[in-house]
Amino acid sequence: QVQLVESGGGLVQPGGSLSVSCAASGSGFSTYTMSWYRQAPGKQRELVAAIVRGGNTNYADSVKGRFTISRDNVKNTVYLQMNNLKPEDTAVYYCNAQRWSSEYWGQGTQVTVSS
């Protein structure tokens, strides 16, 4: 069983930066693929970025070059650094942990990009 707790969301102006974190409890964190998803009002949840146990990453086209996902397997934490934020990045951001048939979600953290 894994519990995920996101933090770091908030309000930021267009062009600004924000970092969100996801702290995981439970064992085996380093073996999980960790991902960030987001869901904007009226839209489906979408994958933003993922990082596998070996450290390889992948990103949605809409965030490539602006967002960076990273993980600290000692602190059991995954991060999402978001730069050059745009109003269309406004959404609830969710942390996801996946390993084999097990999948866990955090409660989400709101990110609002507005002037």
N, C-alpha and C. Protein backbone atom coordinates (compact mmCIF):
# COMPACT_ATOMS: atom_id res chain seq x y z
N GLN A 1 0.84 -1.19 0.00
CA GLN A 1 0.00 0.00 0.00
C GLN A 1 0.88 1.25 0.00
N VAL A 2 0.54 2.19 -0.84
CA VAL A 2 1.29 3.44 -0.94
C VAL A 2 0.32 4.59 -0.77
N GLN A 3 0.71 5.56 0.03
CA GLN A 3 -0.05 6.79 0.17
C GLN A 3 0.76 7.94 -0.42
N LEU A 4 0.08 8.78 -1.17
CA LEU A 4 0.73 9.89 -1.86
C LEU A 4 0.12 11.20 -1.40
N VAL A 5 0.98 12.15 -1.07
CA VAL A 5 0.52 13.46 -0.62
C VAL A 5 1.22 14.54 -1.43
N GLU A 6 0.43 15.28 -2.21
CA GLU A 6 0.99 16.36 -3.02
C GLU A 6 1.03 17.64 -2.22
N SER A 7 1.95 18.51 -2.61
CA SER A 7 2.04 19.84 -2.02
C SER A 7 2.69 20.79 -3.02
N GLY A 8 2.52 22.08 -2.77
CA GLY A 8 3.24 23.07 -3.56
C GLY A 8 2.42 23.79 -4.61
N GLY A 9 1.16 23.45 -4.76
CA GLY A 9 0.34 24.15 -5.73
C GLY A 9 0.07 25.58 -5.30
N GLY A 10 -0.56 26.33 -6.19
CA GLY A 10 -0.88 27.70 -5.85
C GLY A 10 -1.19 28.53 -7.07
N LEU A 11 -1.17 29.83 -6.87
CA LEU A 11 -1.46 30.79 -7.94
C LEU A 11 -0.16 31.41 -8.43
N VAL A 12 0.01 31.45 -9.75
CA VAL A 12 1.22 32.02 -10.33
C VAL A 12 0.83 32.78 -11.60
N GLN A 13 1.58 33.81 -11.91
CA GLN A 13 1.30 34.59 -13.11
C GLN A 13 1.84 33.88 -14.35
N PRO A 14 1.26 34.16 -15.50
CA PRO A 14 1.80 33.58 -16.74
C PRO A 14 3.28 33.92 -16.90
N GLY A 15 4.03 32.91 -17.32
CA GLY A 15 5.47 33.07 -17.44
C GLY A 15 6.24 32.73 -16.18
N GLY A 16 5.52 32.53 -15.10
CA GLY A 16 6.16 32.22 -13.83
C GLY A 16 6.49 30.74 -13.68
N SER A 17 7.03 30.42 -12.50
CA SER A 17 7.44 29.05 -12.20
C SER A 17 6.82 28.57 -10.91
N LEU A 18 6.67 27.27 -10.82
CA LEU A 18 6.10 26.66 -9.62
C LEU A 18 6.62 25.23 -9.56
N SER A 19 6.82 24.74 -8.36
CA SER A 19 7.24 23.36 -8.17
C SER A 19 6.24 22.66 -7.28
N VAL A 20 5.81 21.48 -7.67
CA VAL A 20 4.95 20.66 -6.84
C VAL A 20 5.70 19.39 -6.46
N SER A 21 5.36 18.87 -5.29
CA SER A 21 6.02 17.69 -4.75
C SER A 21 4.99 16.63 -4.39
N CYS A 22 5.45 15.41 -4.36
CA CYS A 22 4.59 14.30 -3.96
C CYS A 22 5.39 13.38 -3.07
N ALA A 23 5.01 13.32 -1.81
CA ALA A 23 5.69 12.46 -0.85
C ALA A 23 4.94 11.15 -0.73
N ALA A 24 5.70 10.06 -0.81
CA ALA A 24 5.10 8.73 -0.77
C ALA A 24 5.46 8.02 0.52
N SER A 25 4.48 7.35 1.09
CA SER A 25 4.74 6.49 2.25
C SER A 25 4.55 5.04 1.80
N GLY A 26 5.15 4.12 2.56
CA GLY A 26 5.09 2.74 2.15
C GLY A 26 6.42 2.31 1.58
N SER A 27 6.56 1.04 1.34
CA SER A 27 7.85 0.51 0.90
C SER A 27 7.92 0.40 -0.61
N GLY A 28 9.14 0.33 -1.09
CA GLY A 28 9.35 0.06 -2.50
C GLY A 28 9.20 1.23 -3.43
N PHE A 29 9.33 2.43 -2.91
CA PHE A 29 9.12 3.63 -3.74
C PHE A 29 9.97 3.59 -5.00
N SER A 30 11.21 3.18 -4.87
CA SER A 30 12.13 3.24 -6.01
C SER A 30 11.72 2.32 -7.15
N THR A 31 10.86 1.36 -6.87
CA THR A 31 10.44 0.41 -7.90
C THR A 31 9.20 0.86 -8.67
N TYR A 32 8.61 1.95 -8.24
CA TYR A 32 7.40 2.44 -8.88
C TYR A 32 7.72 3.40 -10.02
N THR A 33 6.93 3.34 -11.06
CA THR A 33 6.89 4.43 -12.03
C THR A 33 6.04 5.54 -11.43
N MET A 34 6.62 6.72 -11.37
CA MET A 34 5.92 7.86 -10.78
C MET A 34 5.53 8.84 -11.88
N SER A 35 4.32 9.33 -11.80
CA SER A 35 3.81 10.21 -12.85
C SER A 35 3.05 11.37 -12.23
N TRP A 36 2.96 12.42 -13.02
CA TRP A 36 2.08 13.55 -12.73
C TRP A 36 1.02 13.60 -13.82
N TYR A 37 -0.22 13.70 -13.39
CA TYR A 37 -1.35 13.91 -14.27
C TYR A 37 -1.99 15.25 -13.89
N ARG A 38 -2.82 15.75 -14.79
CA ARG A 38 -3.58 16.94 -14.45
C ARG A 38 -4.98 16.85 -15.06
N GLN A 39 -5.88 17.56 -14.41
CA GLN A 39 -7.25 17.60 -14.90
C GLN A 39 -7.78 19.01 -14.77
N ALA A 40 -8.10 19.59 -15.90
CA ALA A 40 -8.69 20.93 -15.94
C ALA A 40 -10.21 20.80 -15.91
N PRO A 41 -10.91 21.83 -15.49
CA PRO A 41 -12.38 21.77 -15.43
C PRO A 41 -12.97 21.40 -16.79
N GLY A 42 -13.84 20.41 -16.77
CA GLY A 42 -14.52 19.99 -17.99
C GLY A 42 -13.69 19.16 -18.93
N LYS A 43 -12.47 18.80 -18.51
CA LYS A 43 -11.59 18.02 -19.38
C LYS A 43 -11.21 16.71 -18.71
N GLN A 44 -10.74 15.77 -19.53
CA GLN A 44 -10.28 14.50 -18.99
C GLN A 44 -8.91 14.65 -18.34
N ARG A 45 -8.65 13.75 -17.41
CA ARG A 45 -7.33 13.73 -16.80
C ARG A 45 -6.31 13.31 -17.85
N GLU A 46 -5.17 14.01 -17.87
CA GLU A 46 -4.15 13.71 -18.86
C GLU A 46 -2.78 13.55 -18.21
N LEU A 47 -1.95 12.71 -18.83
CA LEU A 47 -0.60 12.50 -18.36
C LEU A 47 0.24 13.72 -18.69
N VAL A 48 0.97 14.21 -17.70
CA VAL A 48 1.86 15.36 -17.89
C VAL A 48 3.30 14.88 -18.05
N ALA A 49 3.75 14.04 -17.11
CA ALA A 49 5.14 13.58 -17.12
C ALA A 49 5.24 12.30 -16.31
N ALA A 50 6.23 11.47 -16.65
CA ALA A 50 6.44 10.23 -15.93
C ALA A 50 7.94 9.98 -15.81
N ILE A 51 8.30 9.27 -14.74
CA ILE A 51 9.70 8.88 -14.53
C ILE A 51 9.71 7.45 -14.02
N VAL A 52 10.46 6.60 -14.70
CA VAL A 52 10.51 5.20 -14.33
C VAL A 52 11.62 4.97 -13.31
N ARG A 53 11.70 3.75 -12.83
CA ARG A 53 12.64 3.47 -11.75
C ARG A 53 14.08 3.74 -12.16
N GLY A 54 14.39 3.58 -13.42
CA GLY A 54 15.76 3.82 -13.89
C GLY A 54 16.08 5.28 -14.14
N GLY A 55 15.06 6.13 -14.06
CA GLY A 55 15.27 7.56 -14.22
C GLY A 55 14.88 8.11 -15.57
N ASN A 56 14.54 7.24 -16.53
CA ASN A 56 14.08 7.76 -17.82
C ASN A 56 12.76 8.50 -17.65
N THR A 57 12.58 9.52 -18.45
CA THR A 57 11.40 10.37 -18.33
C THR A 57 10.68 10.50 -19.66
N ASN A 58 9.41 10.83 -19.59
CA ASN A 58 8.68 11.22 -20.79
C ASN A 58 7.67 12.29 -20.43
N TYR A 59 7.34 13.12 -21.40
CA TYR A 59 6.52 14.30 -21.18
C TYR A 59 5.44 14.42 -22.25
N ALA A 60 4.35 15.03 -21.85
CA ALA A 60 3.35 15.42 -22.83
C ALA A 60 3.95 16.50 -23.73
N ASP A 61 3.56 16.49 -24.99
CA ASP A 61 4.10 17.47 -25.92
C ASP A 61 3.87 18.90 -25.45
N SER A 62 2.76 19.12 -24.78
CA SER A 62 2.38 20.47 -24.38
C SER A 62 3.28 21.05 -23.30
N VAL A 63 4.06 20.20 -22.62
CA VAL A 63 4.90 20.68 -21.53
C VAL A 63 6.39 20.47 -21.78
N LYS A 64 6.74 19.81 -22.88
CA LYS A 64 8.15 19.55 -23.17
C LYS A 64 8.93 20.85 -23.24
N GLY A 65 10.08 20.84 -22.59
CA GLY A 65 10.93 22.03 -22.56
C GLY A 65 10.56 23.02 -21.48
N ARG A 66 9.41 22.81 -20.82
CA ARG A 66 8.98 23.73 -19.76
C ARG A 66 8.92 23.04 -18.40
N PHE A 67 8.54 21.78 -18.39
CA PHE A 67 8.37 21.04 -17.13
C PHE A 67 9.49 20.00 -17.00
N THR A 68 9.88 19.74 -15.75
CA THR A 68 10.88 18.71 -15.47
C THR A 68 10.41 17.86 -14.30
N ILE A 69 10.36 16.55 -14.53
CA ILE A 69 10.02 15.62 -13.46
C ILE A 69 11.31 15.01 -12.92
N SER A 70 11.36 14.83 -11.61
CA SER A 70 12.52 14.21 -10.98
C SER A 70 12.06 13.44 -9.76
N ARG A 71 12.93 12.58 -9.28
CA ARG A 71 12.58 11.79 -8.09
C ARG A 71 13.79 11.68 -7.16
N ASP A 72 13.49 11.56 -5.88
CA ASP A 72 14.50 11.33 -4.86
C ASP A 72 14.09 10.06 -4.13
N ASN A 73 14.80 8.97 -4.43
CA ASN A 73 14.42 7.68 -3.86
C ASN A 73 14.82 7.52 -2.40
N VAL A 74 15.60 8.45 -1.89
CA VAL A 74 15.92 8.45 -0.46
C VAL A 74 14.79 9.13 0.32
N LYS A 75 14.31 10.23 -0.23
CA LYS A 75 13.22 10.97 0.41
C LYS A 75 11.84 10.46 0.01
N ASN A 76 11.80 9.48 -0.89
CA ASN A 76 10.51 8.94 -1.37
C ASN A 76 9.62 10.05 -1.90
N THR A 77 10.19 10.89 -2.72
CA THR A 77 9.47 12.06 -3.22
C THR A 77 9.70 12.22 -4.71
N VAL A 78 8.65 12.63 -5.40
CA VAL A 78 8.75 12.98 -6.81
C VAL A 78 8.37 14.45 -6.96
N TYR A 79 9.05 15.12 -7.86
CA TYR A 79 8.87 16.55 -8.03
C TYR A 79 8.46 16.86 -9.48
N LEU A 80 7.79 17.99 -9.62
CA LEU A 80 7.51 18.51 -10.95
C LEU A 80 7.83 20.00 -10.93
N GLN A 81 8.89 20.35 -11.62
CA GLN A 81 9.26 21.76 -11.76
C GLN A 81 8.60 22.29 -13.02
N MET A 82 7.84 23.37 -12.86
CA MET A 82 7.08 23.93 -13.97
C MET A 82 7.55 25.35 -14.23
N ASN A 83 8.06 25.58 -15.42
CA ASN A 83 8.55 26.90 -15.82
C ASN A 83 7.74 27.44 -16.98
N ASN A 84 7.81 28.74 -17.16
CA ASN A 84 7.10 29.40 -18.25
C ASN A 84 5.64 28.95 -18.30
N LEU A 85 5.01 29.03 -17.17
CA LEU A 85 3.63 28.54 -17.06
C LEU A 85 2.68 29.38 -17.90
N LYS A 86 1.66 28.69 -18.41
CA LYS A 86 0.65 29.32 -19.26
C LYS A 86 -0.72 29.13 -18.63
N PRO A 87 -1.67 29.99 -18.97
CA PRO A 87 -3.01 29.83 -18.40
C PRO A 87 -3.59 28.43 -18.66
N GLU A 88 -3.25 27.83 -19.78
CA GLU A 88 -3.78 26.51 -20.09
C GLU A 88 -3.16 25.40 -19.23
N ASP A 89 -2.17 25.73 -18.41
CA ASP A 89 -1.63 24.77 -17.46
C ASP A 89 -2.46 24.70 -16.19
N THR A 90 -3.43 25.58 -16.07
CA THR A 90 -4.30 25.59 -14.90
C THR A 90 -5.07 24.27 -14.79
N ALA A 91 -4.93 23.62 -13.64
CA ALA A 91 -5.55 22.31 -13.45
C ALA A 91 -5.27 21.83 -12.03
N VAL A 92 -5.94 20.76 -11.66
CA VAL A 92 -5.55 20.02 -10.47
C VAL A 92 -4.51 19.00 -10.90
N TYR A 93 -3.38 19.01 -10.22
CA TYR A 93 -2.28 18.11 -10.55
C TYR A 93 -2.27 16.94 -9.57
N TYR A 94 -2.23 15.74 -10.12
CA TYR A 94 -2.29 14.52 -9.33
C TYR A 94 -1.01 13.72 -9.48
N CYS A 95 -0.56 13.18 -8.39
CA CYS A 95 0.58 12.26 -8.36
C CYS A 95 0.06 10.83 -8.52
N ASN A 96 0.79 10.04 -9.26
CA ASN A 96 0.40 8.64 -9.51
C ASN A 96 1.61 7.74 -9.34
N ALA A 97 1.38 6.61 -8.67
CA ALA A 97 2.42 5.59 -8.53
C ALA A 97 1.89 4.29 -9.14
N GLN A 98 2.71 3.67 -9.96
CA GLN A 98 2.26 2.46 -10.65
C GLN A 98 3.36 1.42 -10.66
N ARG A 99 2.98 0.19 -10.32
CA ARG A 99 3.92 -0.94 -10.38
C ARG A 99 3.11 -2.19 -10.60
N TRP A 100 3.39 -2.87 -11.69
CA TRP A 100 2.65 -4.06 -12.09
C TRP A 100 1.16 -3.73 -12.12
N SER A 101 0.33 -4.42 -11.36
CA SER A 101 -1.11 -4.17 -11.40
C SER A 101 -1.57 -3.19 -10.33
N SER A 102 -0.66 -2.68 -9.54
CA SER A 102 -1.01 -1.75 -8.47
C SER A 102 -0.86 -0.31 -8.95
N GLU A 103 -1.82 0.51 -8.53
CA GLU A 103 -1.80 1.91 -8.91
C GLU A 103 -2.40 2.73 -7.78
N TYR A 104 -1.75 3.85 -7.49
CA TYR A 104 -2.18 4.71 -6.39
C TYR A 104 -2.20 6.17 -6.87
N TRP A 105 -3.13 6.93 -6.26
CA TRP A 105 -3.29 8.33 -6.60
C TRP A 105 -3.23 9.20 -5.34
N GLY A 106 -2.70 10.39 -5.52
CA GLY A 106 -2.78 11.39 -4.48
C GLY A 106 -4.10 12.14 -4.57
N GLN A 107 -4.28 13.07 -3.65
CA GLN A 107 -5.55 13.80 -3.59
C GLN A 107 -5.59 15.00 -4.54
N GLY A 108 -4.44 15.37 -5.06
CA GLY A 108 -4.36 16.47 -6.01
C GLY A 108 -4.01 17.80 -5.37
N THR A 109 -3.39 18.66 -6.16
CA THR A 109 -3.07 20.01 -5.72
C THR A 109 -3.39 20.97 -6.86
N GLN A 110 -4.03 22.07 -6.51
CA GLN A 110 -4.49 23.02 -7.53
C GLN A 110 -3.35 23.92 -7.98
N VAL A 111 -3.19 24.05 -9.28
CA VAL A 111 -2.27 25.01 -9.88
C VAL A 111 -3.08 25.95 -10.75
N THR A 112 -2.99 27.23 -10.46
CA THR A 112 -3.73 28.23 -11.22
C THR A 112 -2.75 29.24 -11.81
N VAL A 113 -2.84 29.41 -13.11
CA VAL A 113 -1.97 30.36 -13.81
C VAL A 113 -2.85 31.50 -14.33
N SER A 114 -2.69 32.64 -13.71
CA SER A 114 -3.55 33.76 -14.05
C SER A 114 -2.89 35.07 -13.65
N SER A 115 -3.19 36.11 -14.41
CA SER A 115 -2.68 37.44 -14.07
C SER A 115 -3.71 38.20 -13.24
